[in-house]
């Protein structure tokens, strides 16, 4: 969803619209969970899944020229269905915390630049529209972060961080549709979120 093309007179090559960088926020895990794989619904060998609407978040990590980036470490983190992050200072609501929600995951991209996570549809909490934090780490670069929102959610217009992206096309690129998966029998959702970086990885 982060792909759009910009053209200008005299420019022969099309350049992809770069995904807007957004604040990391205060709730990047201060203690990483023991399980950091790409399935946030089940922790280690647990059998009880997290509460929430099952969602598959996928996309590609691309360079400014549209070439897929291999070896990018993609991280996501988000609050659980009760609005609690896996952070020691997340709202002081530990009694409401979903102990079956991993809350954080990682995926290393291959040659296609693709990533995939199984998680829950993000939910709102006080002051924020529903969102998932998405970070990309590459060799020779600091962690780069953006946020992924829900297309059409009423809370977006009241969210100062979402509204801080003034360009409509750029804002649309971080607001994908969370739509029912074709053929899904349990009501799973899917969202496609491509991330276009403003740089290429170091050799």
N, C-alpha and C. Protein backbone atom coordinates (compact mmCIF):
# COMPACT_ATOMS: atom_id res chain seq x y z
N UNK A 1 0.82 -1.20 0.00
CA UNK A 1 0.00 0.00 0.00
C UNK A 1 0.86 1.26 0.00
N UNK A 2 2.17 1.10 0.22
CA UNK A 2 3.03 2.26 0.31
C UNK A 2 3.59 2.67 -1.03
N UNK A 3 3.06 2.15 -2.14
CA UNK A 3 3.64 2.44 -3.44
C UNK A 3 2.82 3.48 -4.19
N UNK A 4 3.52 4.51 -4.62
CA UNK A 4 2.90 5.50 -5.47
C UNK A 4 4.04 6.07 -6.32
N UNK A 5 3.70 6.69 -7.43
CA UNK A 5 4.75 7.18 -8.32
C UNK A 5 4.71 8.70 -8.42
N UNK A 6 5.89 9.29 -8.39
CA UNK A 6 6.03 10.72 -8.57
C UNK A 6 6.73 10.97 -9.89
N UNK A 7 6.21 11.88 -10.66
CA UNK A 7 6.84 12.22 -11.92
C UNK A 7 6.99 13.72 -12.02
N UNK A 8 7.98 14.15 -12.74
CA UNK A 8 8.21 15.58 -12.96
C UNK A 8 8.83 15.76 -14.33
N UNK A 9 8.61 16.91 -14.95
CA UNK A 9 9.20 17.14 -16.27
C UNK A 9 10.70 16.96 -16.22
N UNK A 10 11.21 16.24 -17.19
CA UNK A 10 12.64 16.03 -17.27
C UNK A 10 13.16 14.88 -16.45
N UNK A 11 12.28 14.23 -15.71
CA UNK A 11 12.70 13.08 -14.93
C UNK A 11 12.37 11.82 -15.72
N UNK A 12 13.39 11.07 -16.06
CA UNK A 12 13.18 9.91 -16.92
C UNK A 12 12.82 8.68 -16.10
N UNK A 13 13.33 8.59 -14.90
CA UNK A 13 13.07 7.40 -14.09
C UNK A 13 11.98 7.73 -13.07
N UNK A 14 11.06 6.81 -12.90
CA UNK A 14 10.03 7.00 -11.90
C UNK A 14 10.59 6.69 -10.52
N UNK A 15 10.21 7.47 -9.55
CA UNK A 15 10.70 7.29 -8.19
C UNK A 15 9.53 6.97 -7.28
N UNK A 16 9.71 6.00 -6.43
CA UNK A 16 8.64 5.62 -5.53
C UNK A 16 8.44 6.64 -4.42
N UNK A 17 7.21 6.81 -4.03
CA UNK A 17 6.90 7.66 -2.89
C UNK A 17 7.43 6.99 -1.63
N UNK A 18 8.26 7.69 -0.90
CA UNK A 18 8.88 7.09 0.28
C UNK A 18 7.92 7.09 1.47
N UNK A 19 7.94 6.03 2.20
CA UNK A 19 7.07 5.89 3.37
C UNK A 19 7.47 6.91 4.42
N UNK A 20 6.51 7.66 4.97
CA UNK A 20 6.86 8.66 5.98
C UNK A 20 7.42 8.02 7.26
N UNK A 21 8.46 8.61 7.78
CA UNK A 21 8.99 8.18 9.06
C UNK A 21 8.09 8.72 10.16
N UNK A 22 7.84 7.92 11.20
CA UNK A 22 7.02 8.36 12.31
C UNK A 22 7.69 8.01 13.64
N UNK A 23 7.24 8.65 14.70
CA UNK A 23 7.84 8.45 15.99
C UNK A 23 7.78 7.00 16.45
N UNK A 24 8.84 6.57 17.11
CA UNK A 24 8.88 5.23 17.68
C UNK A 24 7.92 5.11 18.86
N UNK A 25 7.66 6.23 19.53
CA UNK A 25 6.78 6.21 20.69
C UNK A 25 7.50 5.70 21.93
N UNK A 26 6.82 5.74 23.06
CA UNK A 26 7.47 5.38 24.33
C UNK A 26 7.42 3.89 24.68
N UNK A 27 6.79 3.07 23.82
CA UNK A 27 6.52 1.71 24.25
C UNK A 27 7.22 0.62 23.45
N UNK A 28 8.35 0.98 22.79
CA UNK A 28 9.19 -0.10 22.25
C UNK A 28 9.60 -0.95 23.45
N UNK A 29 9.48 -2.28 23.36
CA UNK A 29 9.69 -3.13 24.55
C UNK A 29 10.98 -2.81 25.30
N UNK A 30 10.85 -2.54 26.61
CA UNK A 30 12.05 -2.33 27.41
C UNK A 30 12.66 -3.65 27.86
N UNK A 31 11.89 -4.73 27.72
CA UNK A 31 12.41 -6.08 27.93
C UNK A 31 11.79 -6.95 26.84
N UNK A 32 12.62 -7.40 25.90
CA UNK A 32 12.08 -8.18 24.79
C UNK A 32 11.53 -9.52 25.30
N UNK A 33 10.43 -9.97 24.72
CA UNK A 33 9.89 -11.27 25.12
C UNK A 33 10.84 -12.39 24.70
N UNK A 34 10.69 -13.55 25.34
CA UNK A 34 11.53 -14.70 24.97
C UNK A 34 11.21 -15.17 23.56
N UNK A 35 9.97 -14.98 23.15
CA UNK A 35 9.54 -15.36 21.81
C UNK A 35 9.42 -14.10 20.97
N UNK A 36 10.22 -14.01 19.89
CA UNK A 36 10.19 -12.81 19.04
C UNK A 36 9.96 -13.19 17.58
N UNK A 37 9.26 -14.32 17.35
CA UNK A 37 9.03 -14.72 15.96
C UNK A 37 7.92 -13.88 15.34
N UNK A 38 7.47 -14.27 14.13
CA UNK A 38 6.51 -13.45 13.40
C UNK A 38 5.06 -13.84 13.66
N UNK A 39 4.81 -14.73 14.61
CA UNK A 39 3.45 -15.08 15.00
C UNK A 39 3.19 -14.52 16.40
N UNK A 40 2.47 -13.41 16.48
CA UNK A 40 2.25 -12.74 17.75
C UNK A 40 1.05 -13.30 18.51
N UNK A 41 0.34 -14.25 17.91
CA UNK A 41 -0.87 -14.77 18.53
C UNK A 41 -0.61 -15.89 19.53
N UNK A 42 0.52 -16.56 19.39
CA UNK A 42 0.84 -17.68 20.27
C UNK A 42 2.27 -17.52 20.77
N UNK A 43 2.46 -17.64 22.06
CA UNK A 43 3.78 -17.49 22.65
C UNK A 43 4.42 -18.86 22.84
N UNK A 44 5.59 -19.03 22.25
CA UNK A 44 6.33 -20.29 22.32
C UNK A 44 5.42 -21.47 21.98
N UNK A 45 5.28 -22.42 22.89
CA UNK A 45 4.46 -23.61 22.62
C UNK A 45 3.06 -23.50 23.21
N UNK A 46 2.62 -22.31 23.50
CA UNK A 46 1.30 -22.11 24.08
C UNK A 46 0.19 -22.59 23.15
N UNK A 47 -0.94 -22.92 23.72
CA UNK A 47 -2.07 -23.40 22.92
C UNK A 47 -3.24 -22.43 22.96
N UNK A 48 -3.18 -21.44 23.85
CA UNK A 48 -4.25 -20.45 23.94
C UNK A 48 -3.85 -19.22 23.14
N UNK A 49 -4.61 -18.86 22.09
CA UNK A 49 -4.24 -17.70 21.28
C UNK A 49 -4.62 -16.39 21.95
N UNK A 50 -4.02 -15.33 21.49
CA UNK A 50 -4.34 -14.00 21.99
C UNK A 50 -5.75 -13.60 21.59
N UNK A 51 -6.31 -12.67 22.35
CA UNK A 51 -7.64 -12.14 22.06
C UNK A 51 -7.51 -11.08 20.96
N UNK A 52 -8.43 -11.11 20.00
CA UNK A 52 -8.43 -10.09 18.95
C UNK A 52 -8.76 -10.67 17.60
N UNK A 53 -8.95 -9.78 16.62
CA UNK A 53 -9.25 -10.21 15.25
C UNK A 53 -7.95 -10.62 14.56
N UNK A 54 -7.87 -11.86 14.17
CA UNK A 54 -6.65 -12.38 13.55
C UNK A 54 -6.36 -11.63 12.24
N UNK A 55 -5.15 -11.13 12.14
CA UNK A 55 -4.76 -10.32 10.99
C UNK A 55 -3.40 -10.75 10.48
N UNK A 56 -3.27 -10.86 9.17
CA UNK A 56 -1.99 -11.13 8.52
C UNK A 56 -1.49 -9.82 7.92
N UNK A 57 -0.40 -9.31 8.47
CA UNK A 57 0.22 -8.08 7.97
C UNK A 57 1.43 -8.48 7.13
N UNK A 58 1.42 -8.07 5.88
CA UNK A 58 2.51 -8.45 4.98
C UNK A 58 2.87 -7.29 4.07
N UNK A 59 4.00 -7.42 3.42
CA UNK A 59 4.42 -6.40 2.48
C UNK A 59 5.85 -6.62 2.05
N UNK A 60 6.42 -5.60 1.45
CA UNK A 60 7.81 -5.67 1.01
C UNK A 60 8.58 -4.46 1.51
N UNK A 61 9.86 -4.65 1.75
CA UNK A 61 10.76 -3.55 2.07
C UNK A 61 11.53 -3.22 0.79
N UNK A 62 11.40 -1.98 0.34
CA UNK A 62 11.93 -1.59 -0.95
C UNK A 62 12.87 -0.40 -0.81
N UNK A 63 13.83 -0.32 -1.72
CA UNK A 63 14.68 0.84 -1.81
C UNK A 63 13.98 1.95 -2.57
N UNK A 64 14.56 3.13 -2.64
CA UNK A 64 13.91 4.26 -3.32
C UNK A 64 13.67 4.02 -4.81
N UNK A 65 14.43 3.08 -5.39
CA UNK A 65 14.24 2.75 -6.80
C UNK A 65 13.27 1.60 -7.00
N UNK A 66 12.70 1.09 -5.92
CA UNK A 66 11.75 -0.01 -6.01
C UNK A 66 12.36 -1.38 -5.92
N UNK A 67 13.68 -1.45 -5.80
CA UNK A 67 14.33 -2.75 -5.69
C UNK A 67 14.09 -3.34 -4.30
N UNK A 68 13.76 -4.64 -4.22
CA UNK A 68 13.55 -5.25 -2.91
C UNK A 68 14.83 -5.27 -2.09
N UNK A 69 14.69 -5.11 -0.78
CA UNK A 69 15.85 -5.10 0.11
C UNK A 69 15.92 -6.43 0.86
N UNK A 70 17.00 -7.14 0.62
CA UNK A 70 17.24 -8.41 1.29
C UNK A 70 17.98 -8.17 2.61
N UNK A 71 17.67 -8.98 3.60
CA UNK A 71 18.38 -8.89 4.86
C UNK A 71 17.95 -7.75 5.75
N UNK A 72 16.77 -7.19 5.50
CA UNK A 72 16.23 -6.15 6.38
C UNK A 72 15.50 -6.83 7.53
N UNK A 73 15.79 -6.41 8.74
CA UNK A 73 15.10 -6.95 9.91
C UNK A 73 13.89 -6.07 10.19
N UNK A 74 12.71 -6.65 9.99
CA UNK A 74 11.46 -5.92 10.20
C UNK A 74 10.94 -6.26 11.60
N UNK A 75 10.62 -5.24 12.37
CA UNK A 75 10.06 -5.44 13.70
C UNK A 75 8.70 -4.77 13.78
N UNK A 76 7.76 -5.40 14.46
CA UNK A 76 6.49 -4.75 14.74
C UNK A 76 6.20 -4.87 16.23
N UNK A 77 5.50 -3.90 16.77
CA UNK A 77 4.99 -3.99 18.14
C UNK A 77 3.70 -3.19 18.22
N UNK A 78 2.81 -3.62 19.10
CA UNK A 78 1.51 -2.99 19.24
C UNK A 78 0.91 -3.39 20.58
N UNK A 79 -0.14 -2.67 20.97
CA UNK A 79 -0.82 -3.02 22.21
C UNK A 79 -1.73 -4.22 21.99
N UNK A 80 -2.11 -4.87 23.08
CA UNK A 80 -3.04 -5.99 22.99
C UNK A 80 -4.47 -5.47 22.88
N UNK A 81 -5.44 -6.36 22.91
CA UNK A 81 -6.84 -5.98 22.72
C UNK A 81 -7.37 -5.10 23.85
N UNK A 82 -6.64 -5.02 24.96
CA UNK A 82 -7.03 -4.16 26.09
C UNK A 82 -6.27 -2.85 26.10
N UNK A 83 -5.42 -2.63 25.10
CA UNK A 83 -4.66 -1.39 25.02
C UNK A 83 -3.37 -1.39 25.79
N UNK A 84 -2.83 -2.57 26.12
CA UNK A 84 -1.62 -2.66 26.93
C UNK A 84 -0.45 -3.17 26.08
N UNK A 85 0.68 -2.45 26.15
CA UNK A 85 1.90 -2.87 25.47
C UNK A 85 2.73 -3.77 26.38
N UNK A 86 3.69 -4.48 25.78
CA UNK A 86 4.63 -5.24 26.61
C UNK A 86 5.77 -4.31 27.02
N UNK A 87 5.43 -3.39 27.88
CA UNK A 87 6.37 -2.39 28.37
C UNK A 87 6.03 -2.14 29.83
N UNK A 88 7.04 -1.98 30.65
CA UNK A 88 6.82 -1.86 32.09
C UNK A 88 6.01 -0.63 32.49
N UNK A 89 5.94 0.37 31.60
CA UNK A 89 5.21 1.60 31.93
C UNK A 89 3.98 1.80 31.05
N UNK A 90 3.48 0.71 30.50
CA UNK A 90 2.32 0.82 29.61
C UNK A 90 1.02 0.94 30.40
N UNK A 91 0.69 2.14 30.77
CA UNK A 91 -0.62 2.44 31.34
C UNK A 91 -0.89 1.87 32.72
N UNK A 92 0.06 1.16 33.31
CA UNK A 92 -0.17 0.58 34.62
C UNK A 92 -1.34 -0.37 34.67
N UNK A 93 -1.64 -0.98 33.51
CA UNK A 93 -2.84 -1.84 33.43
C UNK A 93 -2.44 -3.30 33.31
N UNK A 94 -1.47 -3.73 34.09
CA UNK A 94 -0.98 -5.09 33.95
C UNK A 94 -2.04 -6.13 34.26
N UNK A 95 -3.03 -5.75 35.08
CA UNK A 95 -4.09 -6.71 35.39
C UNK A 95 -4.95 -7.00 34.18
N UNK A 96 -4.94 -6.10 33.19
CA UNK A 96 -5.73 -6.30 31.97
C UNK A 96 -4.91 -6.92 30.84
N UNK A 97 -3.62 -7.04 31.04
CA UNK A 97 -2.73 -7.50 29.98
C UNK A 97 -3.09 -8.91 29.51
N UNK A 98 -3.09 -9.09 28.19
CA UNK A 98 -3.34 -10.40 27.60
C UNK A 98 -2.02 -11.18 27.63
N UNK A 99 -1.92 -12.13 28.52
CA UNK A 99 -0.67 -12.88 28.69
C UNK A 99 -0.38 -13.81 27.52
N UNK A 100 -1.33 -13.95 26.61
CA UNK A 100 -1.12 -14.82 25.46
C UNK A 100 -0.72 -14.04 24.20
N UNK A 101 -0.62 -12.71 24.33
CA UNK A 101 -0.25 -11.89 23.18
C UNK A 101 1.23 -11.56 23.24
N UNK A 102 1.95 -11.90 22.20
CA UNK A 102 3.40 -11.69 22.17
C UNK A 102 3.75 -10.21 22.14
N UNK A 103 2.98 -9.42 21.41
CA UNK A 103 3.14 -7.97 21.42
C UNK A 103 4.29 -7.41 20.61
N UNK A 104 5.20 -8.26 20.17
CA UNK A 104 6.39 -7.84 19.43
C UNK A 104 6.84 -9.01 18.57
N UNK A 105 7.30 -8.71 17.35
CA UNK A 105 7.78 -9.78 16.49
C UNK A 105 8.83 -9.27 15.52
N UNK A 106 9.57 -10.23 14.94
CA UNK A 106 10.62 -9.91 13.99
C UNK A 106 10.55 -10.81 12.77
N UNK A 107 11.01 -10.27 11.63
CA UNK A 107 11.06 -11.05 10.40
C UNK A 107 12.23 -10.54 9.57
N UNK A 108 13.08 -11.44 9.08
CA UNK A 108 14.22 -11.09 8.25
C UNK A 108 13.86 -11.33 6.79
N UNK A 109 13.95 -10.28 5.97
CA UNK A 109 13.53 -10.41 4.58
C UNK A 109 14.54 -11.20 3.75
N UNK A 110 14.01 -11.91 2.77
CA UNK A 110 14.82 -12.63 1.81
C UNK A 110 15.01 -11.81 0.54
N UNK A 111 15.32 -12.49 -0.55
CA UNK A 111 15.63 -11.81 -1.81
C UNK A 111 14.48 -10.98 -2.34
N UNK A 112 13.24 -11.37 -2.03
CA UNK A 112 12.07 -10.65 -2.53
C UNK A 112 11.74 -9.41 -1.71
N UNK A 113 12.40 -9.27 -0.55
CA UNK A 113 12.10 -8.15 0.33
C UNK A 113 10.81 -8.29 1.11
N UNK A 114 10.19 -9.46 1.02
CA UNK A 114 8.88 -9.65 1.64
C UNK A 114 8.97 -10.00 3.13
N UNK A 115 7.93 -9.61 3.86
CA UNK A 115 7.80 -9.99 5.27
C UNK A 115 6.36 -10.40 5.53
N UNK A 116 6.12 -11.10 6.63
CA UNK A 116 4.78 -11.54 7.00
C UNK A 116 4.70 -11.69 8.51
N UNK A 117 3.61 -11.17 9.08
CA UNK A 117 3.33 -11.35 10.50
C UNK A 117 1.88 -11.81 10.67
N UNK A 118 1.66 -12.65 11.68
CA UNK A 118 0.30 -12.97 12.10
C UNK A 118 0.10 -12.28 13.44
N UNK A 119 -0.90 -11.42 13.51
CA UNK A 119 -1.10 -10.63 14.71
C UNK A 119 -2.59 -10.36 14.89
N UNK A 120 -2.93 -9.31 15.62
CA UNK A 120 -4.34 -8.92 15.76
C UNK A 120 -4.55 -7.56 15.10
N UNK A 121 -5.77 -7.30 14.70
CA UNK A 121 -6.12 -5.99 14.19
C UNK A 121 -5.91 -4.98 15.31
N UNK A 122 -5.17 -3.89 15.05
CA UNK A 122 -4.88 -2.95 16.12
C UNK A 122 -6.15 -2.28 16.66
N UNK A 123 -6.09 -1.93 17.93
CA UNK A 123 -7.24 -1.30 18.59
C UNK A 123 -6.82 0.08 19.10
N UNK A 124 -7.79 0.98 19.31
CA UNK A 124 -7.46 2.31 19.84
C UNK A 124 -7.21 2.26 21.34
N UNK A 125 -6.51 3.26 21.83
CA UNK A 125 -6.42 3.49 23.27
C UNK A 125 -6.40 5.00 23.46
N UNK A 126 -6.47 5.48 24.67
CA UNK A 126 -6.63 6.90 24.95
C UNK A 126 -5.62 7.76 24.19
N UNK A 127 -6.14 8.63 23.36
CA UNK A 127 -5.29 9.57 22.63
C UNK A 127 -4.75 9.09 21.31
N UNK A 128 -4.95 7.82 20.97
CA UNK A 128 -4.38 7.28 19.74
C UNK A 128 -5.39 6.48 18.94
N UNK A 129 -5.30 6.62 17.64
CA UNK A 129 -6.03 5.75 16.72
C UNK A 129 -5.35 4.39 16.69
N UNK A 130 -6.05 3.35 16.26
CA UNK A 130 -5.40 2.03 16.15
C UNK A 130 -4.18 2.11 15.23
N UNK A 131 -3.09 1.47 15.65
CA UNK A 131 -1.88 1.49 14.83
C UNK A 131 -0.96 0.36 15.23
N UNK A 132 -0.08 0.01 14.31
CA UNK A 132 1.00 -0.95 14.54
C UNK A 132 2.31 -0.23 14.24
N UNK A 133 3.26 -0.30 15.17
CA UNK A 133 4.58 0.26 14.92
C UNK A 133 5.36 -0.71 14.03
N UNK A 134 6.00 -0.17 13.01
CA UNK A 134 6.80 -0.98 12.09
C UNK A 134 8.20 -0.36 12.01
N UNK A 135 9.21 -1.15 12.32
CA UNK A 135 10.59 -0.66 12.27
C UNK A 135 11.41 -1.52 11.31
N UNK A 136 12.40 -0.88 10.70
CA UNK A 136 13.30 -1.58 9.78
C UNK A 136 14.73 -1.33 10.23
N UNK A 137 15.49 -2.40 10.38
CA UNK A 137 16.90 -2.29 10.76
C UNK A 137 17.74 -2.90 9.64
N UNK A 138 18.76 -2.16 9.21
CA UNK A 138 19.64 -2.63 8.15
C UNK A 138 21.08 -2.35 8.54
N UNK A 139 21.97 -3.07 7.92
CA UNK A 139 23.40 -2.91 8.19
C UNK A 139 23.83 -1.47 7.98
N UNK A 140 24.50 -0.92 8.99
CA UNK A 140 25.03 0.43 8.87
C UNK A 140 24.02 1.53 9.09
N UNK A 141 22.79 1.18 9.48
CA UNK A 141 21.75 2.17 9.69
C UNK A 141 21.11 1.99 11.06
N UNK A 142 20.67 3.10 11.65
CA UNK A 142 19.92 3.02 12.89
C UNK A 142 18.50 2.52 12.59
N UNK A 143 17.82 2.06 13.62
CA UNK A 143 16.44 1.59 13.45
C UNK A 143 15.58 2.73 12.92
N UNK A 144 14.84 2.44 11.85
CA UNK A 144 13.96 3.41 11.20
C UNK A 144 12.52 2.98 11.47
N UNK A 145 11.67 3.91 11.88
CA UNK A 145 10.33 3.52 12.33
C UNK A 145 9.22 4.32 11.64
N UNK A 146 8.13 3.63 11.38
CA UNK A 146 6.90 4.28 10.93
C UNK A 146 5.74 3.64 11.68
N UNK A 147 4.51 4.00 11.31
CA UNK A 147 3.34 3.40 11.94
C UNK A 147 2.32 3.07 10.87
N UNK A 148 1.59 2.01 11.09
CA UNK A 148 0.60 1.50 10.14
C UNK A 148 -0.79 1.66 10.75
N UNK A 149 -1.67 2.37 10.05
CA UNK A 149 -3.02 2.66 10.55
C UNK A 149 -4.07 1.89 9.75
N UNK A 150 -5.34 2.05 10.13
CA UNK A 150 -6.44 1.34 9.47
C UNK A 150 -7.20 2.30 8.56
N UNK A 151 -7.27 1.97 7.30
CA UNK A 151 -8.01 2.80 6.34
C UNK A 151 -9.47 2.93 6.77
N UNK A 152 -9.95 4.17 6.79
CA UNK A 152 -11.36 4.42 7.08
C UNK A 152 -11.72 4.49 8.55
N UNK A 153 -10.76 4.30 9.44
CA UNK A 153 -11.08 4.34 10.88
C UNK A 153 -11.34 5.78 11.31
N UNK A 154 -12.43 5.99 12.03
CA UNK A 154 -12.82 7.34 12.43
C UNK A 154 -11.80 8.00 13.33
N UNK A 155 -11.04 7.22 14.08
CA UNK A 155 -10.06 7.79 14.99
C UNK A 155 -8.86 8.42 14.32
N UNK A 156 -8.64 8.12 13.04
CA UNK A 156 -7.48 8.68 12.35
C UNK A 156 -7.49 10.21 12.37
N UNK A 157 -8.66 10.79 12.12
CA UNK A 157 -8.77 12.24 12.02
C UNK A 157 -8.55 12.94 13.36
N UNK A 158 -8.57 12.18 14.45
CA UNK A 158 -8.32 12.78 15.77
C UNK A 158 -6.92 12.45 16.29
N UNK A 159 -6.16 11.75 15.48
CA UNK A 159 -4.83 11.31 15.89
C UNK A 159 -3.78 12.30 15.38
N UNK A 160 -3.10 12.98 16.30
CA UNK A 160 -2.14 14.01 15.90
C UNK A 160 -0.95 13.47 15.13
N UNK A 161 -0.54 12.26 15.42
CA UNK A 161 0.62 11.69 14.72
C UNK A 161 0.25 11.33 13.29
N UNK A 162 -0.93 10.74 13.11
CA UNK A 162 -1.40 10.44 11.74
C UNK A 162 -1.57 11.74 10.96
N UNK A 163 -2.17 12.74 11.59
CA UNK A 163 -2.44 14.01 10.91
C UNK A 163 -1.17 14.81 10.64
N UNK A 164 -0.08 14.48 11.32
CA UNK A 164 1.18 15.21 11.10
C UNK A 164 1.74 14.97 9.70
N UNK A 165 1.29 13.91 9.05
CA UNK A 165 1.67 13.65 7.66
C UNK A 165 0.70 14.44 6.78
N UNK A 166 1.14 15.55 6.25
CA UNK A 166 0.25 16.47 5.54
C UNK A 166 -0.06 16.04 4.11
N UNK A 167 0.91 15.37 3.47
CA UNK A 167 0.70 14.94 2.09
C UNK A 167 -0.29 13.78 2.04
N UNK A 168 -1.35 13.92 1.27
CA UNK A 168 -2.40 12.91 1.26
C UNK A 168 -1.91 11.56 0.74
N UNK A 169 -1.09 11.58 -0.28
CA UNK A 169 -0.58 10.32 -0.83
C UNK A 169 0.32 9.62 0.19
N UNK A 170 1.15 10.39 0.87
CA UNK A 170 2.02 9.81 1.88
C UNK A 170 1.20 9.26 3.04
N UNK A 171 0.16 9.98 3.43
CA UNK A 171 -0.70 9.52 4.51
C UNK A 171 -1.43 8.24 4.11
N UNK A 172 -1.88 8.19 2.87
CA UNK A 172 -2.54 6.98 2.38
C UNK A 172 -1.60 5.79 2.40
N UNK A 173 -0.31 6.04 2.21
CA UNK A 173 0.66 4.95 2.14
C UNK A 173 0.85 4.26 3.48
N UNK A 174 0.50 4.93 4.58
CA UNK A 174 0.62 4.32 5.91
C UNK A 174 -0.75 3.94 6.48
N UNK A 175 -1.77 3.93 5.60
CA UNK A 175 -3.13 3.65 6.05
C UNK A 175 -3.76 2.60 5.16
N UNK A 176 -3.28 1.36 5.22
CA UNK A 176 -3.81 0.31 4.35
C UNK A 176 -5.18 -0.19 4.79
N UNK A 177 -5.81 -0.89 3.91
CA UNK A 177 -7.10 -1.51 4.20
C UNK A 177 -6.88 -2.82 4.95
N UNK A 178 -7.63 -3.02 6.03
CA UNK A 178 -7.64 -4.29 6.75
C UNK A 178 -8.90 -5.02 6.29
N UNK A 179 -8.76 -5.89 5.30
CA UNK A 179 -9.90 -6.49 4.63
C UNK A 179 -9.98 -7.99 4.91
N UNK A 180 -11.19 -8.56 4.85
CA UNK A 180 -11.32 -10.01 5.04
C UNK A 180 -10.49 -10.77 4.01
N UNK A 181 -9.81 -11.81 4.45
CA UNK A 181 -9.03 -12.64 3.54
C UNK A 181 -9.95 -13.46 2.66
N UNK A 182 -9.60 -13.57 1.41
CA UNK A 182 -10.39 -14.37 0.48
C UNK A 182 -10.39 -15.82 0.91
N UNK A 183 -11.56 -16.40 1.06
CA UNK A 183 -11.67 -17.81 1.40
C UNK A 183 -11.46 -18.14 2.86
N UNK A 184 -11.21 -17.13 3.71
CA UNK A 184 -10.98 -17.39 5.13
C UNK A 184 -12.28 -17.81 5.80
N UNK A 185 -12.20 -18.89 6.56
CA UNK A 185 -13.41 -19.43 7.20
C UNK A 185 -13.60 -18.91 8.62
N UNK A 186 -12.55 -18.33 9.19
CA UNK A 186 -12.64 -17.87 10.58
C UNK A 186 -12.62 -16.35 10.68
N UNK A 187 -12.85 -15.67 9.56
CA UNK A 187 -12.93 -14.22 9.57
C UNK A 187 -11.60 -13.51 9.66
N UNK A 188 -10.51 -14.17 9.28
CA UNK A 188 -9.20 -13.52 9.34
C UNK A 188 -9.14 -12.32 8.38
N UNK A 189 -8.32 -11.34 8.77
CA UNK A 189 -8.13 -10.15 7.97
C UNK A 189 -6.73 -10.14 7.37
N UNK A 190 -6.55 -9.32 6.34
CA UNK A 190 -5.22 -9.16 5.73
C UNK A 190 -5.00 -7.69 5.43
N UNK A 191 -3.77 -7.23 5.65
CA UNK A 191 -3.38 -5.87 5.31
C UNK A 191 -2.04 -5.92 4.63
N UNK A 192 -1.91 -5.20 3.52
CA UNK A 192 -0.65 -5.16 2.78
C UNK A 192 0.00 -3.80 3.00
N UNK A 193 1.22 -3.82 3.52
CA UNK A 193 1.90 -2.59 3.91
C UNK A 193 3.33 -2.61 3.39
N UNK A 194 3.53 -2.07 2.19
CA UNK A 194 4.87 -1.96 1.63
C UNK A 194 5.57 -0.75 2.24
N UNK A 195 6.86 -0.89 2.52
CA UNK A 195 7.65 0.20 3.09
C UNK A 195 8.75 0.57 2.09
N UNK A 196 8.71 1.81 1.65
CA UNK A 196 9.73 2.31 0.72
C UNK A 196 10.70 3.18 1.49
N UNK A 197 11.94 2.69 1.59
CA UNK A 197 12.96 3.42 2.32
C UNK A 197 13.55 4.53 1.48
N UNK A 198 14.16 5.50 2.14
CA UNK A 198 14.79 6.60 1.43
C UNK A 198 16.25 6.33 1.14
N UNK A 199 16.69 5.10 1.42
CA UNK A 199 18.11 4.75 1.23
C UNK A 199 18.21 3.27 0.95
N UNK A 200 19.35 2.85 0.48
CA UNK A 200 19.62 1.44 0.24
C UNK A 200 20.61 0.96 1.31
N UNK A 201 20.61 -0.35 1.60
CA UNK A 201 21.49 -0.85 2.65
C UNK A 201 22.96 -0.77 2.26
N UNK A 202 23.80 -0.71 3.30
CA UNK A 202 25.24 -0.70 3.05
C UNK A 202 25.67 -2.05 2.50
N UNK A 203 26.69 -2.04 1.66
CA UNK A 203 27.18 -3.29 1.06
C UNK A 203 27.86 -4.14 2.11
